[in-house]
Protein backbone atom coordinates (compact mmCIF):
# COMPACT_ATOMS: atom_id res chain seq x y z
CA MET A 1 8.66 -16.44 -27.63
CA ALA A 2 5.95 -13.85 -28.86
CA THR A 3 2.51 -15.02 -27.89
CA LEU A 4 -0.76 -13.52 -29.33
CA CYS A 5 -3.16 -13.26 -26.40
CA ARG A 6 -6.88 -13.20 -26.24
CA PRO A 7 -8.51 -10.40 -28.51
CA ALA A 8 -11.17 -7.95 -27.26
CA ILE A 9 -14.05 -7.32 -29.73
CA ALA A 10 -16.80 -4.74 -29.96
CA VAL A 11 -19.45 -4.26 -32.50
CA PRO A 12 -21.98 -1.32 -32.80
CA GLU A 13 -25.41 -1.48 -31.55
CA HIS A 14 -27.31 -0.95 -34.84
CA VAL A 15 -28.03 -4.21 -36.44
CA ILE A 16 -29.37 -5.16 -39.93
CA THR A 17 -30.52 -8.68 -40.70
CA LEU A 18 -30.30 -10.54 -44.07
CA GLU A 19 -33.89 -10.04 -44.59
CA GLU A 20 -33.81 -6.37 -44.03
CA THR A 21 -30.83 -6.19 -46.50
CA LEU A 22 -32.79 -8.00 -49.28
CA ASP A 23 -35.68 -5.76 -48.74
CA LEU A 24 -33.63 -2.63 -48.98
CA ALA A 25 -32.06 -3.96 -52.18
CA ARG A 26 -35.49 -4.65 -53.69
CA ASP A 27 -36.75 -1.17 -52.79
CA LEU A 28 -33.69 0.79 -53.83
CA HIS A 29 -32.74 -1.03 -56.89
CA ALA A 30 -36.15 -2.30 -58.16
CA GLU A 31 -35.33 -1.39 -61.91
CA HIS A 32 -31.84 -2.89 -61.73
CA PRO A 33 -31.38 -5.34 -64.72
CA GLN A 34 -29.33 -7.71 -62.43
CA LEU A 35 -31.23 -7.40 -59.24
CA GLY A 36 -32.12 -11.00 -59.15
CA LEU A 37 -28.39 -12.03 -59.48
CA ALA A 38 -27.49 -9.51 -56.66
CA LEU A 39 -30.09 -10.79 -54.48
CA ARG A 40 -29.04 -14.48 -54.84
CA LEU A 41 -25.24 -13.54 -54.26
CA ILE A 42 -26.24 -11.60 -51.08
CA GLU A 43 -28.22 -14.74 -49.91
CA ASN A 44 -25.38 -17.01 -50.63
CA THR A 45 -22.83 -15.08 -48.43
CA GLY A 46 -24.12 -16.79 -45.38
CA VAL A 47 -24.46 -13.37 -43.57
CA ARG A 48 -27.36 -13.32 -41.22
CA THR A 49 -26.67 -10.15 -39.22
CA ARG A 50 -24.23 -7.20 -39.45
CA HIS A 51 -23.64 -4.30 -37.04
CA LEU A 52 -23.42 -0.61 -38.21
CA VAL A 53 -22.11 2.44 -36.41
CA GLN A 54 -25.08 4.50 -37.65
CA PRO A 55 -28.83 3.61 -37.96
CA ILE A 56 -29.54 2.34 -41.47
CA GLU A 57 -31.36 5.54 -42.40
CA GLU A 58 -28.25 7.57 -41.74
CA THR A 59 -25.98 4.88 -43.51
CA LEU A 60 -27.93 5.15 -46.74
CA ARG A 61 -27.55 8.97 -46.85
CA HIS A 62 -24.39 10.30 -48.29
CA PRO A 63 -23.55 13.73 -46.68
CA GLY A 64 -20.20 13.93 -48.40
CA PHE A 65 -16.66 12.52 -47.66
CA THR A 66 -15.86 15.38 -45.00
CA THR A 67 -18.92 14.58 -42.85
CA ARG A 68 -18.36 10.81 -43.07
CA ASN A 69 -14.74 10.93 -42.00
CA ALA A 70 -15.67 13.07 -39.17
CA VAL A 71 -18.13 10.32 -38.06
CA TYR A 72 -15.26 7.70 -38.56
CA GLU A 73 -12.95 9.78 -36.19
CA ARG A 74 -15.60 10.36 -33.57
CA GLU A 75 -16.84 6.76 -33.56
CA ALA A 76 -13.19 5.58 -33.41
CA LYS A 77 -12.34 7.67 -30.39
CA GLU A 78 -15.54 6.59 -28.72
CA ARG A 79 -15.28 2.76 -29.30
CA VAL A 80 -11.57 1.99 -29.35
CA PRO A 81 -10.41 2.76 -25.77
CA GLU A 82 -12.82 0.18 -24.24
CA VAL A 83 -11.47 -2.69 -26.43
CA VAL A 84 -7.89 -1.55 -25.73
CA GLU A 85 -8.56 -1.78 -22.04
CA ARG A 86 -10.03 -5.16 -22.37
CA ALA A 87 -7.15 -6.51 -24.59
CA LEU A 88 -4.62 -5.12 -22.15
CA GLY A 89 -6.53 -6.94 -19.25
CA TYR A 90 -6.55 -10.18 -21.17
CA ALA A 91 -2.76 -9.76 -21.58
CA GLU A 92 -2.21 -8.88 -17.93
CA LEU A 93 -0.30 -5.70 -19.01
CA SER A 94 -0.63 -1.97 -18.38
CA ALA A 95 -0.46 0.63 -21.17
CA ARG A 96 3.03 1.61 -20.05
CA GLU A 97 4.40 -1.93 -20.75
CA VAL A 98 3.52 -1.54 -24.44
CA ASP A 99 6.34 -0.71 -26.85
CA LEU A 100 4.58 -0.53 -30.09
CA ILE A 101 1.07 0.20 -31.29
CA ILE A 102 -0.12 -1.09 -34.73
CA TYR A 103 -3.38 0.64 -35.86
CA VAL A 104 -5.26 -1.09 -38.71
CA SER A 105 -8.03 0.56 -40.64
CA CYS A 106 -8.99 1.00 -44.40
CA THR A 107 -12.43 2.65 -43.76
CA GLY A 108 -11.45 6.06 -42.69
CA PHE A 109 -8.43 8.50 -42.55
CA MET A 110 -6.67 10.35 -39.75
CA MET A 111 -3.21 12.08 -39.60
CA PRO A 112 -1.79 11.75 -37.14
CA SER A 113 -2.94 8.27 -36.83
CA LEU A 114 -5.34 7.26 -33.92
CA THR A 115 -2.02 5.93 -32.38
CA ALA A 116 -0.95 9.43 -31.32
CA TRP A 117 -4.39 10.06 -29.77
CA LEU A 118 -4.29 6.73 -27.86
CA ILE A 119 -0.82 7.45 -26.51
CA ASN A 120 -1.88 10.96 -25.30
CA ARG A 121 -5.17 9.62 -23.77
CA MET A 122 -4.61 6.23 -22.35
CA GLY A 123 -1.32 6.39 -20.61
CA PHE A 124 1.08 4.73 -22.92
CA ARG A 125 4.69 6.02 -22.82
CA SER A 126 5.78 8.94 -24.97
CA ASP A 127 8.49 6.64 -26.73
CA THR A 128 5.83 4.01 -27.76
CA ARG A 129 6.44 3.29 -31.43
CA GLN A 130 3.64 3.73 -33.82
CA VAL A 131 2.92 1.71 -37.14
CA PRO A 132 -0.43 2.70 -38.87
CA ILE A 133 -1.51 0.16 -41.67
CA ALA A 134 -4.01 1.74 -43.95
CA GLN A 135 -3.74 0.24 -47.49
CA LEU A 136 -3.92 -3.68 -46.95
CA GLY A 137 -7.60 -3.93 -46.55
CA CYS A 138 -8.84 -7.28 -45.25
CA ALA A 139 -5.25 -8.74 -45.21
CA ALA A 140 -4.15 -6.03 -42.62
CA GLY A 141 -5.17 -8.16 -39.54
CA GLY A 142 -2.72 -10.87 -40.69
CA ALA A 143 -0.17 -8.18 -41.49
CA ALA A 144 -0.42 -6.60 -38.07
CA VAL A 145 0.12 -9.92 -36.42
CA ASN A 146 3.16 -10.54 -38.68
CA ARG A 147 4.72 -7.07 -38.01
CA ALA A 148 4.07 -7.41 -34.26
CA HIS A 149 5.97 -10.84 -34.46
CA ASP A 150 8.88 -9.29 -36.43
CA PHE A 151 9.04 -6.47 -33.78
CA CYS A 152 9.08 -8.97 -30.89
CA ARG A 153 11.92 -10.99 -32.63
CA ALA A 154 13.90 -7.81 -33.09
CA TYR A 155 13.33 -6.61 -29.50
CA PRO A 156 12.99 -9.75 -27.27
CA GLY A 157 10.70 -9.09 -24.53
CA ALA A 158 8.80 -6.22 -26.07
CA ASN A 159 5.09 -5.98 -26.20
CA VAL A 160 2.78 -4.89 -28.97
CA LEU A 161 -0.79 -3.64 -29.01
CA ILE A 162 -2.65 -4.22 -32.28
CA VAL A 163 -5.87 -2.23 -32.89
CA ALA A 164 -8.18 -2.92 -35.83
CA CYS A 165 -11.14 -0.25 -36.37
CA GLU A 166 -13.23 -0.98 -39.42
CA PHE A 167 -16.45 1.00 -40.22
CA CYS A 168 -17.24 -0.46 -43.54
CA SER A 169 -20.68 1.09 -43.64
CA LEU A 170 -18.99 4.57 -43.95
CA CYS A 171 -17.90 3.43 -47.46
CA TYR A 172 -21.50 2.88 -48.71
CA GLN A 173 -21.71 4.70 -52.13
CA PRO A 174 -25.29 5.02 -53.30
CA THR A 175 -24.33 5.69 -56.98
CA ASP A 176 -22.25 2.48 -57.27
CA LEU A 177 -24.51 -0.03 -59.05
CA GLY A 178 -22.50 -2.81 -60.32
CA VAL A 179 -23.28 -6.26 -59.08
CA GLY A 180 -20.09 -6.42 -57.16
CA SER A 181 -21.11 -3.13 -55.28
CA LEU A 182 -24.52 -4.46 -54.59
CA LEU A 183 -23.08 -7.63 -53.01
CA SER A 184 -20.62 -5.52 -50.96
CA ASN A 185 -23.69 -3.67 -49.55
CA GLY A 186 -24.90 -6.93 -48.18
CA LEU A 187 -21.61 -8.41 -47.08
CA PHE A 188 -19.61 -5.97 -44.95
CA GLY A 189 -19.99 -4.98 -41.34
CA ASP A 190 -18.48 -2.76 -38.63
CA ALA A 191 -16.37 -3.90 -35.78
CA VAL A 192 -13.50 -2.89 -33.54
CA ALA A 193 -10.88 -5.25 -32.17
CA ALA A 194 -7.76 -4.99 -30.00
CA VAL A 195 -5.10 -7.68 -29.18
CA VAL A 196 -1.73 -7.88 -27.40
CA MET A 197 1.44 -9.85 -28.47
CA ARG A 198 3.52 -10.39 -25.50
CA GLY A 199 7.15 -10.78 -26.01
CA ARG A 200 7.40 -12.90 -22.80
CA GLY A 201 4.69 -14.90 -20.98
CA GLY A 202 0.97 -14.74 -21.74
CA THR A 203 -1.41 -17.40 -23.01
CA GLY A 204 -2.75 -17.90 -26.57
CA VAL A 205 -0.99 -18.48 -29.81
CA HIS A 206 2.78 -18.55 -29.68
CA ILE A 207 3.74 -17.28 -33.11
CA GLU A 208 6.73 -19.26 -34.62
CA ARG A 209 6.86 -18.24 -38.31
CA ASN A 210 5.24 -15.68 -40.61
CA GLY A 211 5.19 -15.02 -44.30
CA SER A 212 3.56 -13.05 -47.04
CA HIS A 213 2.55 -13.83 -50.56
CA LEU A 214 1.27 -11.66 -53.41
CA VAL A 215 -0.26 -13.00 -56.46
CA PRO A 216 1.44 -11.22 -59.48
CA HIS A 217 -0.70 -8.85 -61.72
CA THR A 218 -3.78 -8.94 -59.49
CA GLU A 219 -3.52 -5.58 -57.92
CA ASP A 220 -6.63 -4.17 -59.50
CA TRP A 221 -8.87 -7.12 -58.43
CA ILE A 222 -9.56 -5.53 -54.96
CA SER A 223 -9.08 -1.90 -54.81
CA TYR A 224 -10.52 1.49 -53.77
CA GLY A 225 -11.48 4.37 -56.23
CA VAL A 226 -10.62 7.44 -54.26
CA LYS A 227 -13.05 10.15 -55.44
CA ASP A 228 -14.67 13.46 -54.15
CA THR A 229 -17.32 11.25 -52.45
CA GLY A 230 -14.69 9.04 -50.67
CA PHE A 231 -13.72 5.46 -50.99
CA HIS A 232 -15.47 3.54 -53.69
CA PHE A 233 -14.74 -0.32 -53.22
CA GLN A 234 -14.00 -2.10 -56.39
CA LEU A 235 -14.27 -5.88 -56.58
CA ASP A 236 -13.27 -7.99 -59.56
CA LYS A 237 -15.51 -11.05 -60.39
CA ARG A 238 -12.26 -13.16 -60.32
CA VAL A 239 -11.72 -12.62 -56.61
CA PRO A 240 -13.86 -15.52 -55.15
CA GLY A 241 -11.45 -17.83 -57.18
CA THR A 242 -8.21 -16.56 -55.46
CA MET A 243 -7.77 -19.48 -52.96
CA GLU A 244 -6.55 -21.59 -55.84
CA MET A 245 -3.68 -19.24 -56.20
CA LEU A 246 -3.17 -18.60 -52.45
CA ALA A 247 -3.65 -22.13 -50.95
CA PRO A 248 -0.16 -23.29 -52.21
CA ALA A 249 1.39 -20.53 -50.44
CA LEU A 250 -0.16 -21.55 -47.14
CA ARG A 251 1.09 -25.17 -47.74
CA THR A 252 4.61 -23.86 -48.56
CA LEU A 253 4.89 -21.92 -45.41
CA ALA A 254 3.77 -24.85 -43.33
CA THR A 255 6.07 -27.30 -45.17
CA GLU A 256 9.07 -24.90 -44.64
CA HIS A 257 8.38 -25.17 -41.00
CA SER A 258 8.00 -28.99 -41.27
CA TRP A 259 4.26 -29.02 -40.57
CA ASP A 260 1.37 -30.47 -42.55
CA ILE A 261 -1.04 -27.77 -43.50
CA SER A 262 -3.81 -30.28 -43.60
CA GLY A 263 -3.02 -31.58 -40.11
CA LEU A 264 -3.09 -28.51 -37.99
CA GLY A 265 -5.30 -28.29 -34.89
CA PHE A 266 -6.85 -24.89 -35.52
CA TYR A 267 -7.31 -22.39 -38.58
CA ILE A 268 -8.01 -18.65 -37.99
CA VAL A 269 -8.44 -17.20 -41.43
CA HIS A 270 -10.15 -14.19 -42.99
CA ALA A 271 -13.67 -15.00 -44.11
CA GLY A 272 -14.27 -12.79 -47.19
CA GLY A 273 -16.95 -15.06 -48.14
CA PRO A 274 -18.26 -18.83 -48.06
CA ARG A 275 -16.51 -19.47 -51.33
CA ILE A 276 -13.11 -18.44 -49.81
CA LEU A 277 -13.67 -21.00 -46.98
CA ASP A 278 -15.11 -23.65 -49.23
CA ASP A 279 -12.18 -23.51 -51.68
CA LEU A 280 -9.65 -23.57 -48.84
CA CYS A 281 -11.27 -26.87 -47.49
CA HIS A 282 -10.99 -28.25 -51.08
CA PHE A 283 -7.44 -27.26 -51.83
CA LEU A 284 -6.04 -28.08 -48.33
CA ASN A 285 -7.89 -31.11 -47.86
CA LEU A 286 -9.84 -30.09 -44.86
CA GLU A 287 -13.27 -30.57 -43.42
CA PRO A 288 -15.69 -27.55 -43.20
CA ALA A 289 -15.54 -27.68 -39.44
CA ALA A 290 -11.94 -26.58 -39.62
CA PHE A 291 -13.06 -22.99 -40.37
CA ARG A 292 -16.03 -22.95 -37.95
CA PHE A 293 -14.69 -19.81 -36.13
CA SER A 294 -14.36 -17.87 -39.40
CA ARG A 295 -17.69 -19.09 -40.50
CA ALA A 296 -19.39 -17.95 -37.20
CA THR A 297 -17.81 -14.42 -37.74
CA LEU A 298 -19.16 -14.27 -41.26
CA THR A 299 -22.64 -15.39 -40.27
CA GLU A 300 -23.10 -13.13 -37.22
CA ARG A 301 -21.22 -10.06 -38.20
CA GLY A 302 -20.38 -10.18 -41.91
CA ASN A 303 -17.04 -9.45 -43.39
CA ILE A 304 -15.60 -6.99 -40.75
CA ALA A 305 -12.39 -6.60 -43.00
CA SER A 306 -9.15 -6.57 -41.09
CA ALA A 307 -11.00 -7.42 -37.75
CA VAL A 308 -12.07 -10.92 -38.95
CA VAL A 309 -9.04 -12.68 -37.88
CA PHE A 310 -9.15 -11.32 -34.40
CA ASP A 311 -12.99 -12.09 -34.02
CA ALA A 312 -12.45 -15.52 -35.26
CA LEU A 313 -9.47 -16.00 -32.82
CA ALA A 314 -11.63 -14.61 -29.89
CA ARG A 315 -14.16 -17.46 -30.78
CA LEU A 316 -11.35 -20.07 -30.24
CA PHE A 317 -10.59 -18.52 -26.77
CA GLU A 318 -14.38 -18.55 -25.86
CA GLU A 319 -14.46 -22.27 -26.76
CA GLY A 320 -11.76 -22.91 -24.21
CA GLY A 321 -8.78 -23.20 -26.49
CA VAL A 322 -7.01 -26.34 -27.57
CA PRO A 323 -4.44 -28.56 -25.88
CA ASP A 324 -1.15 -26.99 -25.19
CA GLY A 325 1.35 -27.38 -28.20
CA THR A 326 -1.44 -27.81 -30.82
CA HIS A 327 -0.34 -26.27 -34.21
CA GLY A 328 -2.34 -23.65 -35.99
CA LEU A 329 -2.68 -21.12 -38.78
CA ILE A 330 -3.58 -17.42 -38.79
CA ALA A 331 -4.06 -15.92 -42.20
CA GLY A 332 -5.49 -12.62 -43.76
CA PHE A 333 -6.28 -12.16 -47.43
CA GLY A 334 -6.82 -8.86 -49.20
CA PRO A 335 -5.78 -6.39 -51.88
CA GLY A 336 -2.76 -7.26 -53.88
CA ILE A 337 -4.02 -10.04 -54.00
CA THR A 338 -2.18 -10.62 -50.73
CA ALA A 339 -1.97 -13.35 -48.20
CA GLU A 340 -0.43 -12.52 -44.72
CA MET A 341 0.23 -15.87 -42.99
CA SER A 342 1.55 -16.91 -39.58
CA LEU A 343 2.09 -20.29 -37.87
CA GLY A 344 1.87 -20.80 -34.17
CA SER A 345 1.27 -23.23 -31.21
CA TRP A 346 -1.22 -22.94 -28.61
CA VAL A 347 0.04 -21.96 -25.16
CA GLY A 348 -2.42 -22.48 -22.39
CA VAL A 349 0.12 -21.99 -19.49
CA PRO A 350 2.34 -19.06 -19.69
CA LEU A 351 5.86 -19.74 -20.98
CA GLU A 352 8.55 -18.91 -18.50
CA ALA A 353 10.22 -15.50 -18.93
CA THR A 354 13.65 -16.66 -19.30
CA ILE A 355 15.04 -13.13 -20.42
CA PRO A 356 14.01 -10.05 -18.47
CA ARG A 357 11.81 -7.78 -20.42
CA ARG A 358 13.62 -4.62 -19.36
CA PRO A 359 16.21 -4.17 -16.87
CA ARG A 360 14.86 -2.25 -13.79
CA ALA A 361 16.90 0.57 -12.38
CA ILE A 362 18.54 -0.09 -8.99
CA ASP A 363 17.35 2.24 -6.48
CA ALA A 364 18.90 3.12 -3.08
CA ALA A 365 17.02 0.50 -1.08
CA ASP A 366 18.18 -2.22 -3.50
CA LEU A 367 21.73 -1.12 -3.28
CA ALA A 368 21.72 -0.80 0.42
CA LEU A 369 20.53 -4.51 0.64
CA VAL A 370 23.24 -5.67 -1.71
CA GLN A 371 25.94 -3.87 0.14
CA ALA A 372 24.60 -4.93 3.54
CA THR A 373 24.74 -8.61 2.67
CA THR A 374 27.93 -8.35 0.60
CA PRO A 375 30.53 -6.19 2.46
CA LEU A 376 33.06 -6.57 -0.11
CA LEU A 377 31.00 -4.35 -2.51
CA ARG A 378 30.75 -1.39 0.05
CA PRO A 379 34.09 0.56 -0.05
CA ALA A 380 35.07 1.88 3.44
CA GLY A 381 33.67 5.26 4.31
CA THR A 382 30.89 5.22 1.45
CA THR A 383 27.43 6.42 2.25
CA ILE A 384 24.11 5.66 0.49
CA THR A 385 22.11 8.73 -0.24
CA GLU A 386 18.63 9.05 -1.72
């Protein structure tokens, strides 16, 4: 009965607009032979504003991977706790009621993972399990939902905290001048998200089924070149057409669950770009409004990698949700080429917790009450002590 509750989202205070992005591209790459093409591609993304963890002047400088990764760690520790507190509040849980933390990020590196820091700083139990996910890119938000669902099925009543921390601007590489790189410079933004999956109770999306699909022999279509200067994002020109290969997997998952993929009540999907959403409309026979939450995320925040699905889901909550029992889809797409998909139904009223989450130890007061009201349970001459 795992329910994905309302996500908490935070974006940095530094904002760059589409117009500023285009002006920067013209200034920095005035002699680029394909500048006109790059400008048209950036305009066609639909991205109007993006948020950055540093001012644009700092973002454009490359002080080296060591310094950049230090910025990643500092900013993560500064920004993640607040969204975690809000997500726990939305789920009506305390840190000590969380059994697993899944931390998702592909834009910086820490070992131990930020999960260890969170456990030590925010009051999580020392036996809280940790699952960092670092190499699924934009698909990792969907993967985190699926792994949380798997955990709640394996441990009924358990609760899972998911954290997505993506500072894509820290991956800017001034020497990468391919059209794909220039497009990426105008597409990606920064954001932090957190969400709780409750094993019992809670309101949101009751996850019923999940699945994964990898398109064979496409592992080099979206990738990182890991170099002395850090992570270099590599995007193949064939990526925008991947929905023709992934849409059938979405349809198959729904069919196996006896649902019609074209007749669901809500769709929360990764917005890698407008072509992705337009193609999904075509191949799944949907109206453009079906992806209004993902489109809004793309327009206002850009591609925020693994955090997209949580930002889009938060917009569904902000709109007031949908009628109880409405069926929907959550899906993330990323390197592999990989789709991480889940199906669920909206729950506006918490489901009854028919199975206790964790047996509570019986203390002396409890035992005294039971024995006082049930004499047969109290052997003659026994005494209750603290």
